[in-house]
Amino acid sequence: MKLFVGLGNPGEKYARNRHNIGFMAVDRLADDHGFGPWKSKFQGALSEGRLGSQKVLLLKPGTFMNRSGQSVGEAMRFFKLNSVDVTVFHDELDLAPGKVRVKAGGGHAGHNGLRSIHDHIGAAYDRVRLGIGHPGRKEMVSAYVLGDFAKADAEWLDAVLRGLSDGAQFLAQDDPGKFMNAVALRTAPPRSSKSERPAEPTATSSQAPVAESDDRTPMQKLMDKFR
């Protein structure tokens, strides 16, 4: 059994915030893969389903970002899971918008949600880092992450969420390579190897006009000059 956690802040006010891309990710998985209805459990919302042969629990902590670990810890202990069974989807300032990376363990890099999870279950859990870019200055970070995605972000954001959904079963099977391949097919699809068919040459471009045949006799040609 796996526990996939999406990080964000509860409530409609925060629904489209950059900080809530983790919520968006698990919502997409639930919708695309036929998970059960969201139920209020573990100080959050829980949905159960399957990804391939693996049973997976989706969790959206309702404790606000900086106390996310309370909800994650409760769910993990109830289902008798280890921290290595937990994968957290979260926003990442240090990745460009649309970039996705998988990481096993490590520090929290100042992310309030990860910091709280560290406090409750330790650092040995997996993360799916979802790039949202950096506003450029440290003092702008709070307003930036709590701001909504712009309309111009819609295309890459949809590609990322589709890619996460496509590769989710590989993530549940502990195959991050195949998961990342599935994401890449959505976010950076390969270009077609077929070259475009060249245009037909025209008389005005690469092909000179064909001269009409002239079957007149030499005498007729001479007489025509004086007409």
C-alpha atoms as a PDB file:
ATOM      1  CA  MET A   1       0.000   0.000   0.000  1.00  0.00           C
ATOM      2  CA  LYS A   2       1.187   3.509  -0.843  1.00  0.00           C
ATOM      3  CA  LEU A   3       0.247   6.890   0.590  1.00  0.00           C
ATOM      4  CA  PHE A   4       0.365   9.756  -1.936  1.00  0.00           C
ATOM      5  CA  VAL A   5       0.134  13.145  -0.236  1.00  0.00           C
ATOM      6  CA  GLY A   6      -0.649  16.384  -2.045  1.00  0.00           C
ATOM      7  CA  LEU A   7       0.368  19.555  -0.222  1.00  0.00           C
ATOM      8  CA  GLY A   8      -1.666  22.755  -0.206  1.00  0.00           C
ATOM      9  CA  ASN A   9      -3.950  24.925   1.876  1.00  0.00           C
ATOM     10  CA  PRO A  10      -7.637  24.020   2.324  1.00  0.00           C
ATOM     11  CA  GLY A  11     -10.448  26.259   1.128  1.00  0.00           C
ATOM     12  CA  GLU A  12     -11.639  27.829  -2.095  1.00  0.00           C
ATOM     13  CA  LYS A  13      -9.583  30.957  -1.411  1.00  0.00           C
ATOM     14  CA  TYR A  14      -6.367  28.994  -1.981  1.00  0.00           C
ATOM     15  CA  ALA A  15      -7.554  26.531  -4.622  1.00  0.00           C
ATOM     16  CA  ARG A  16      -5.656  28.056  -7.582  1.00  0.00           C
ATOM     17  CA  ASN A  17      -2.563  29.130  -5.635  1.00  0.00           C
ATOM     18  CA  ARG A  18       0.855  28.006  -6.818  1.00  0.00           C
ATOM     19  CA  HIS A  19       1.354  26.566  -3.316  1.00  0.00           C
ATOM     20  CA  ASN A  20      -1.588  24.215  -4.010  1.00  0.00           C
ATOM     21  CA  ILE A  21      -0.184  22.378  -7.009  1.00  0.00           C
ATOM     22  CA  GLY A  22       0.169  19.296  -4.764  1.00  0.00           C
ATOM     23  CA  PHE A  23      -3.587  19.304  -4.135  1.00  0.00           C
ATOM     24  CA  MET A  24      -4.157  19.697  -7.886  1.00  0.00           C
ATOM     25  CA  ALA A  25      -1.945  16.682  -8.567  1.00  0.00           C
ATOM     26  CA  VAL A  26      -3.772  14.239  -6.305  1.00  0.00           C
ATOM     27  CA  ASP A  27      -7.154  15.594  -7.419  1.00  0.00           C
ATOM     28  CA  ARG A  28      -6.163  14.754 -10.984  1.00  0.00           C
ATOM     29  CA  LEU A  29      -5.068  11.249 -10.017  1.00  0.00           C
ATOM     30  CA  ALA A  30      -8.360  10.639  -8.218  1.00  0.00           C
ATOM     31  CA  ASP A  31     -10.426  11.842 -11.187  1.00  0.00           C
ATOM     32  CA  ASP A  32      -8.471  10.040 -13.900  1.00  0.00           C
ATOM     33  CA  HIS A  33      -8.073   6.703 -12.132  1.00  0.00           C
ATOM     34  CA  GLY A  34     -11.534   6.248 -10.635  1.00  0.00           C
ATOM     35  CA  PHE A  35     -10.671   6.653  -6.959  1.00  0.00           C
ATOM     36  CA  GLY A  36     -13.393   6.648  -4.352  1.00  0.00           C
ATOM     37  CA  PRO A  37     -15.033   9.777  -2.964  1.00  0.00           C
ATOM     38  CA  TRP A  38     -13.024  12.071  -0.708  1.00  0.00           C
ATOM     39  CA  LYS A  39     -13.766  11.442   2.965  1.00  0.00           C
ATOM     40  CA  SER A  40     -12.876  13.561   5.985  1.00  0.00           C
ATOM     41  CA  LYS A  41     -10.180  11.616   7.827  1.00  0.00           C
ATOM     42  CA  PHE A  42      -6.843  12.235   9.554  1.00  0.00           C
ATOM     43  CA  GLN A  43      -7.387  15.996   9.735  1.00  0.00           C
ATOM     44  CA  GLY A  44      -7.718  16.053   5.975  1.00  0.00           C
ATOM     45  CA  ALA A  45      -9.422  14.454   2.976  1.00  0.00           C
ATOM     46  CA  LEU A  46      -8.707  10.844   1.996  1.00  0.00           C
ATOM     47  CA  SER A  47      -9.539   8.932  -1.188  1.00  0.00           C
ATOM     48  CA  GLU A  48      -8.791   5.245  -1.836  1.00  0.00           C
ATOM     49  CA  GLY A  49      -8.184   3.435  -5.101  1.00  0.00           C
ATOM     50  CA  ARG A  50      -5.725   1.425  -7.173  1.00  0.00           C
ATOM     51  CA  LEU A  51      -2.931   2.279  -9.549  1.00  0.00           C
ATOM     52  CA  GLY A  52      -2.174  -0.874 -11.493  1.00  0.00           C
ATOM     53  CA  SER A  53      -1.914  -3.689  -8.962  1.00  0.00           C
ATOM     54  CA  GLN A  54      -1.056  -1.384  -6.063  1.00  0.00           C
ATOM     55  CA  LYS A  55      -3.571  -0.047  -3.550  1.00  0.00           C
ATOM     56  CA  VAL A  56      -3.018   3.683  -3.100  1.00  0.00           C
ATOM     57  CA  LEU A  57      -4.340   6.214  -0.586  1.00  0.00           C
ATOM     58  CA  LEU A  58      -4.541   9.859  -1.627  1.00  0.00           C
ATOM     59  CA  LEU A  59      -4.374  12.436   1.160  1.00  0.00           C
ATOM     60  CA  LYS A  60      -4.899  16.200   1.197  1.00  0.00           C
ATOM     61  CA  PRO A  61      -4.035  17.539   4.682  1.00  0.00           C
ATOM     62  CA  GLY A  62      -6.613  20.011   5.944  1.00  0.00           C
ATOM     63  CA  THR A  63      -4.306  21.436   8.613  1.00  0.00           C
ATOM     64  CA  PHE A  64      -2.836  24.206   6.447  1.00  0.00           C
ATOM     65  CA  MET A  65       0.611  23.894   4.921  1.00  0.00           C
ATOM     66  CA  ASN A  66       2.792  24.458   7.973  1.00  0.00           C
ATOM     67  CA  ARG A  67       1.076  21.662   9.933  1.00  0.00           C
ATOM     68  CA  SER A  68       0.787  19.101   7.132  1.00  0.00           C
ATOM     69  CA  GLY A  69       2.820  16.552   9.069  1.00  0.00           C
ATOM     70  CA  GLN A  70       0.066  16.089  11.651  1.00  0.00           C
ATOM     71  CA  SER A  71      -2.298  14.694   9.019  1.00  0.00           C
ATOM     72  CA  VAL A  72       0.374  12.621   7.256  1.00  0.00           C
ATOM     73  CA  GLY A  73       1.605  11.122  10.527  1.00  0.00           C
ATOM     74  CA  GLU A  74      -1.895  10.101  11.623  1.00  0.00           C
ATOM     75  CA  ALA A  75      -2.661   8.382   8.306  1.00  0.00           C
ATOM     76  CA  MET A  76       0.692   6.614   8.194  1.00  0.00           C
ATOM     77  CA  ARG A  77       0.325   5.223  11.700  1.00  0.00           C
ATOM     78  CA  PHE A  78      -3.307   4.156  11.202  1.00  0.00           C
ATOM     79  CA  PHE A  79      -2.451   2.107   8.097  1.00  0.00           C
ATOM     80  CA  LYS A  80       0.815   0.855   9.675  1.00  0.00           C
ATOM     81  CA  LEU A  81       2.918   2.243   6.835  1.00  0.00           C
ATOM     82  CA  ASN A  82       6.582   3.166   6.848  1.00  0.00           C
ATOM     83  CA  SER A  83       7.822   6.561   5.743  1.00  0.00           C
ATOM     84  CA  VAL A  84       9.288   4.959   2.591  1.00  0.00           C
ATOM     85  CA  ASP A  85       5.695   4.135   1.560  1.00  0.00           C
ATOM     86  CA  VAL A  86       4.879   7.859   1.479  1.00  0.00           C
ATOM     87  CA  THR A  87       5.240  10.092  -1.590  1.00  0.00           C
ATOM     88  CA  VAL A  88       4.616  13.826  -1.254  1.00  0.00           C
ATOM     89  CA  PHE A  89       3.650  16.054  -4.211  1.00  0.00           C
ATOM     90  CA  HIS A  90       4.686  19.657  -3.569  1.00  0.00           C
ATOM     91  CA  ASP A  91       5.525  22.984  -5.211  1.00  0.00           C
ATOM     92  CA  GLU A  92       9.202  23.684  -5.855  1.00  0.00           C
ATOM     93  CA  LEU A  93      10.588  27.210  -6.189  1.00  0.00           C
ATOM     94  CA  ASP A  94      13.991  25.992  -7.347  1.00  0.00           C
ATOM     95  CA  LEU A  95      12.617  24.342 -10.497  1.00  0.00           C
ATOM     96  CA  ALA A  96      11.410  26.214 -13.561  1.00  0.00           C
ATOM     97  CA  PRO A  97       7.649  26.167 -14.212  1.00  0.00           C
ATOM     98  CA  GLY A  98       6.646  22.837 -15.743  1.00  0.00           C
ATOM     99  CA  LYS A  99       9.724  20.922 -14.590  1.00  0.00           C
ATOM    100  CA  VAL A 100       9.194  17.773 -12.503  1.00  0.00           C
ATOM    101  CA  ARG A 101      11.727  15.847 -10.442  1.00  0.00           C
ATOM    102  CA  VAL A 102      11.513  12.807  -8.155  1.00  0.00           C
ATOM    103  CA  LYS A 103      13.610  12.740  -5.009  1.00  0.00           C
ATOM    104  CA  ALA A 104      14.050  10.112  -2.282  1.00  0.00           C
ATOM    105  CA  GLY A 105      14.679  11.551   1.166  1.00  0.00           C
ATOM    106  CA  GLY A 106      16.774  14.657   1.801  1.00  0.00           C
ATOM    107  CA  GLY A 107      16.181  18.021   3.417  1.00  0.00           C
ATOM    108  CA  HIS A 108      13.121  20.238   3.341  1.00  0.00           C
ATOM    109  CA  ALA A 109      14.891  23.290   1.811  1.00  0.00           C
ATOM    110  CA  GLY A 110      12.763  25.634   3.909  1.00  0.00           C
ATOM    111  CA  HIS A 111       9.430  24.383   2.536  1.00  0.00           C
ATOM    112  CA  ASN A 112       6.966  24.708   5.430  1.00  0.00           C
ATOM    113  CA  GLY A 113       4.940  21.647   4.457  1.00  0.00           C
ATOM    114  CA  LEU A 114       7.988  19.413   4.141  1.00  0.00           C
ATOM    115  CA  ARG A 115       9.432  20.817   7.371  1.00  0.00           C
ATOM    116  CA  SER A 116       6.283  19.748   9.221  1.00  0.00           C
ATOM    117  CA  ILE A 117       6.326  16.288   7.637  1.00  0.00           C
ATOM    118  CA  HIS A 118       9.982  15.900   8.647  1.00  0.00           C
ATOM    119  CA  ASP A 119       9.003  16.672  12.226  1.00  0.00           C
ATOM    120  CA  HIS A 120       6.305  13.987  12.279  1.00  0.00           C
ATOM    121  CA  ILE A 121       7.625  11.090  10.160  1.00  0.00           C
ATOM    122  CA  GLY A 122      11.293  11.847   9.516  1.00  0.00           C
ATOM    123  CA  ALA A 123      13.039  12.538   6.209  1.00  0.00           C
ATOM    124  CA  ALA A 124      12.906   9.090   4.579  1.00  0.00           C
ATOM    125  CA  TYR A 125       9.953   9.665   2.271  1.00  0.00           C
ATOM    126  CA  ASP A 126       9.777  10.306  -1.474  1.00  0.00           C
ATOM    127  CA  ARG A 127       8.900  13.635  -3.044  1.00  0.00           C
ATOM    128  CA  VAL A 128       7.623  14.675  -6.451  1.00  0.00           C
ATOM    129  CA  ARG A 129       8.923  18.213  -6.872  1.00  0.00           C
ATOM    130  CA  LEU A 130       6.667  20.316  -9.106  1.00  0.00           C
ATOM    131  CA  GLY A 131       8.416  23.388 -10.458  1.00  0.00           C
ATOM    132  CA  ILE A 132       6.648  26.731 -10.178  1.00  0.00           C
ATOM    133  CA  GLY A 133       9.679  28.995 -10.658  1.00  0.00           C
ATOM    134  CA  HIS A 134      11.017  31.716  -8.364  1.00  0.00           C
ATOM    135  CA  PRO A 135       9.823  35.334  -8.252  1.00  0.00           C
ATOM    136  CA  GLY A 136      13.414  36.553  -8.150  1.00  0.00           C
ATOM    137  CA  ARG A 137      13.693  38.023  -4.675  1.00  0.00           C
ATOM    138  CA  LYS A 138      13.315  36.333  -1.281  1.00  0.00           C
ATOM    139  CA  GLU A 139      10.915  38.949   0.060  1.00  0.00           C
ATOM    140  CA  MET A 140       8.528  38.216  -2.818  1.00  0.00           C
ATOM    141  CA  VAL A 141       8.280  34.470  -2.201  1.00  0.00           C
ATOM    142  CA  SER A 142       5.316  34.451   0.195  1.00  0.00           C
ATOM    143  CA  ALA A 143       3.075  36.553  -2.050  1.00  0.00           C
ATOM    144  CA  TYR A 144       4.208  34.558  -5.081  1.00  0.00           C
ATOM    145  CA  VAL A 145       3.407  31.076  -3.766  1.00  0.00           C
ATOM    146  CA  LEU A 146       0.102  32.276  -2.312  1.00  0.00           C
ATOM    147  CA  GLY A 147      -0.818  33.901  -5.614  1.00  0.00           C
ATOM    148  CA  ASP A 148      -2.904  32.162  -8.261  1.00  0.00           C
ATOM    149  CA  PHE A 149      -1.434  30.632 -11.392  1.00  0.00           C
ATOM    150  CA  ALA A 150      -1.669  33.071 -14.287  1.00  0.00           C
ATOM    151  CA  LYS A 151      -3.719  32.323 -17.402  1.00  0.00           C
ATOM    152  CA  ALA A 152      -0.449  31.980 -19.297  1.00  0.00           C
ATOM    153  CA  ASP A 153       0.459  29.022 -17.033  1.00  0.00           C
ATOM    154  CA  ALA A 154      -2.600  26.975 -18.016  1.00  0.00           C
ATOM    155  CA  GLU A 155      -0.963  25.046 -20.872  1.00  0.00           C
ATOM    156  CA  TRP A 156       2.144  23.836 -19.060  1.00  0.00           C
ATOM    157  CA  LEU A 157       0.202  23.201 -15.846  1.00  0.00           C
ATOM    158  CA  ASP A 158      -2.276  20.959 -17.650  1.00  0.00           C
ATOM    159  CA  ALA A 159       0.599  19.089 -19.346  1.00  0.00           C
ATOM    160  CA  VAL A 160       2.260  18.469 -15.977  1.00  0.00           C
ATOM    161  CA  LEU A 161      -0.933  17.180 -14.362  1.00  0.00           C
ATOM    162  CA  ARG A 162      -1.648  14.919 -17.340  1.00  0.00           C
ATOM    163  CA  GLY A 163       1.899  13.576 -17.182  1.00  0.00           C
ATOM    164  CA  LEU A 164       1.635  12.844 -13.462  1.00  0.00           C
ATOM    165  CA  SER A 165      -1.580  10.958 -14.083  1.00  0.00           C
ATOM    166  CA  ASP A 166      -0.095   8.998 -17.005  1.00  0.00           C
ATOM    167  CA  GLY A 167       2.875   7.868 -14.940  1.00  0.00           C
ATOM    168  CA  ALA A 168       1.191   7.397 -11.561  1.00  0.00           C
ATOM    169  CA  GLN A 169       1.078   3.602 -11.704  1.00  0.00           C
ATOM    170  CA  PHE A 170       4.855   3.476 -12.264  1.00  0.00           C
ATOM    171  CA  LEU A 171       5.366   5.712  -9.244  1.00  0.00           C
ATOM    172  CA  ALA A 172       3.219   3.312  -7.190  1.00  0.00           C
ATOM    173  CA  GLN A 173       5.413   0.442  -8.444  1.00  0.00           C
ATOM    174  CA  ASP A 174       8.600   2.212  -7.305  1.00  0.00           C
ATOM    175  CA  ASP A 175       9.761   2.814 -10.877  1.00  0.00           C
ATOM    176  CA  PRO A 176      10.644   6.526 -10.994  1.00  0.00           C
ATOM    177  CA  GLY A 177      12.356   6.155 -14.369  1.00  0.00           C
ATOM    178  CA  LYS A 178       9.189   5.088 -16.176  1.00  0.00           C
ATOM    179  CA  PHE A 179       7.228   7.673 -14.225  1.00  0.00           C
ATOM    180  CA  MET A 180       9.511  10.455 -15.430  1.00  0.00           C
ATOM    181  CA  ASN A 181       9.339   9.142 -19.001  1.00  0.00           C
ATOM    182  CA  ALA A 182       5.550   9.394 -18.887  1.00  0.00           C
ATOM    183  CA  VAL A 183       5.751  12.949 -17.561  1.00  0.00           C
ATOM    184  CA  ALA A 184       8.269  13.921 -20.232  1.00  0.00           C
ATOM    185  CA  LEU A 185       6.008  12.674 -23.024  1.00  0.00           C
ATOM    186  CA  ARG A 186       3.482  15.295 -21.905  1.00  0.00           C
ATOM    187  CA  THR A 187       5.762  18.151 -20.929  1.00  0.00           C
ATOM    188  CA  ALA A 188       8.501  17.745 -23.577  1.00  0.00           C
ATOM    189  CA  PRO A 189       7.101  15.538 -26.368  1.00  0.00           C
ATOM    190  CA  PRO A 190       9.653  14.407 -28.982  1.00  0.00           C
ATOM    191  CA  ARG A 191       9.585  16.169 -32.307  1.00  0.00           C
ATOM    192  CA  SER A 192       8.392  14.227 -35.346  1.00  0.00           C
ATOM    193  CA  SER A 193      11.201  12.572 -37.303  1.00  0.00           C
ATOM    194  CA  LYS A 194       9.274  12.963 -40.549  1.00  0.00           C
ATOM    195  CA  SER A 195      10.409  15.933 -42.578  1.00  0.00           C
ATOM    196  CA  GLU A 196       7.836  17.995 -44.360  1.00  0.00           C
ATOM    197  CA  ARG A 197       7.247  17.129 -47.989  1.00  0.00           C
ATOM    198  CA  PRO A 198       8.925  19.746 -50.191  1.00  0.00           C
ATOM    199  CA  ALA A 199       6.643  21.957 -52.193  1.00  0.00           C
ATOM    200  CA  GLU A 200       6.214  21.236 -55.872  1.00  0.00           C
ATOM    201  CA  PRO A 201       8.475  23.493 -57.982  1.00  0.00           C
ATOM    202  CA  THR A 202       6.735  26.243 -59.900  1.00  0.00           C
ATOM    203  CA  ALA A 203       7.576  28.025 -63.112  1.00  0.00           C
ATOM    204  CA  THR A 204       8.295  31.206 -61.187  1.00  0.00           C
ATOM    205  CA  SER A 205      10.716  29.613 -58.732  1.00  0.00           C
ATOM    206  CA  SER A 206      13.007  26.671 -59.438  1.00  0.00           C
ATOM    207  CA  GLN A 207      11.821  25.566 -62.858  1.00  0.00           C
ATOM    208  CA  ALA A 208      12.120  27.601 -66.074  1.00  0.00           C
ATOM    209  CA  PRO A 209       9.151  27.712 -68.415  1.00  0.00           C
ATOM    210  CA  VAL A 210       9.159  25.151 -71.216  1.00  0.00           C
ATOM    211  CA  ALA A 211       9.499  26.656 -74.677  1.00  0.00           C
ATOM    212  CA  GLU A 212       6.806  25.809 -77.212  1.00  0.00           C
ATOM    213  CA  SER A 213       7.930  23.652 -80.176  1.00  0.00           C
ATOM    214  CA  ASP A 214       8.451  25.526 -83.486  1.00  0.00           C
ATOM    215  CA  ASP A 215       7.980  23.386 -86.631  1.00  0.00           C
ATOM    216  CA  ARG A 216       8.188  26.221 -89.164  1.00  0.00           C
ATOM    217  CA  THR A 217      10.586  25.854 -92.112  1.00  0.00           C
ATOM    218  CA  PRO A 218      13.599  28.198 -92.355  1.00  0.00           C
ATOM    219  CA  MET A 219      11.925  30.044 -95.270  1.00  0.00           C
ATOM    220  CA  GLN A 220       8.727  30.578 -93.208  1.00  0.00           C
ATOM    221  CA  LYS A 221      10.713  31.934 -90.292  1.00  0.00           C
ATOM    222  CA  LEU A 222      12.506  34.419 -92.588  1.00  0.00           C
ATOM    223  CA  MET A 223       9.255  35.583 -94.184  1.00  0.00           C
ATOM    224  CA  ASP A 224       7.602  36.011 -90.732  1.00  0.00           C
ATOM    225  CA  LYS A 225      10.289  38.536 -89.764  1.00  0.00           C
ATOM    226  CA  PHE A 226       9.127  40.898 -92.502  1.00  0.00           C
ATOM    227  CA  ARG A 227       5.418  40.680 -91.792  1.00  0.00           C
END
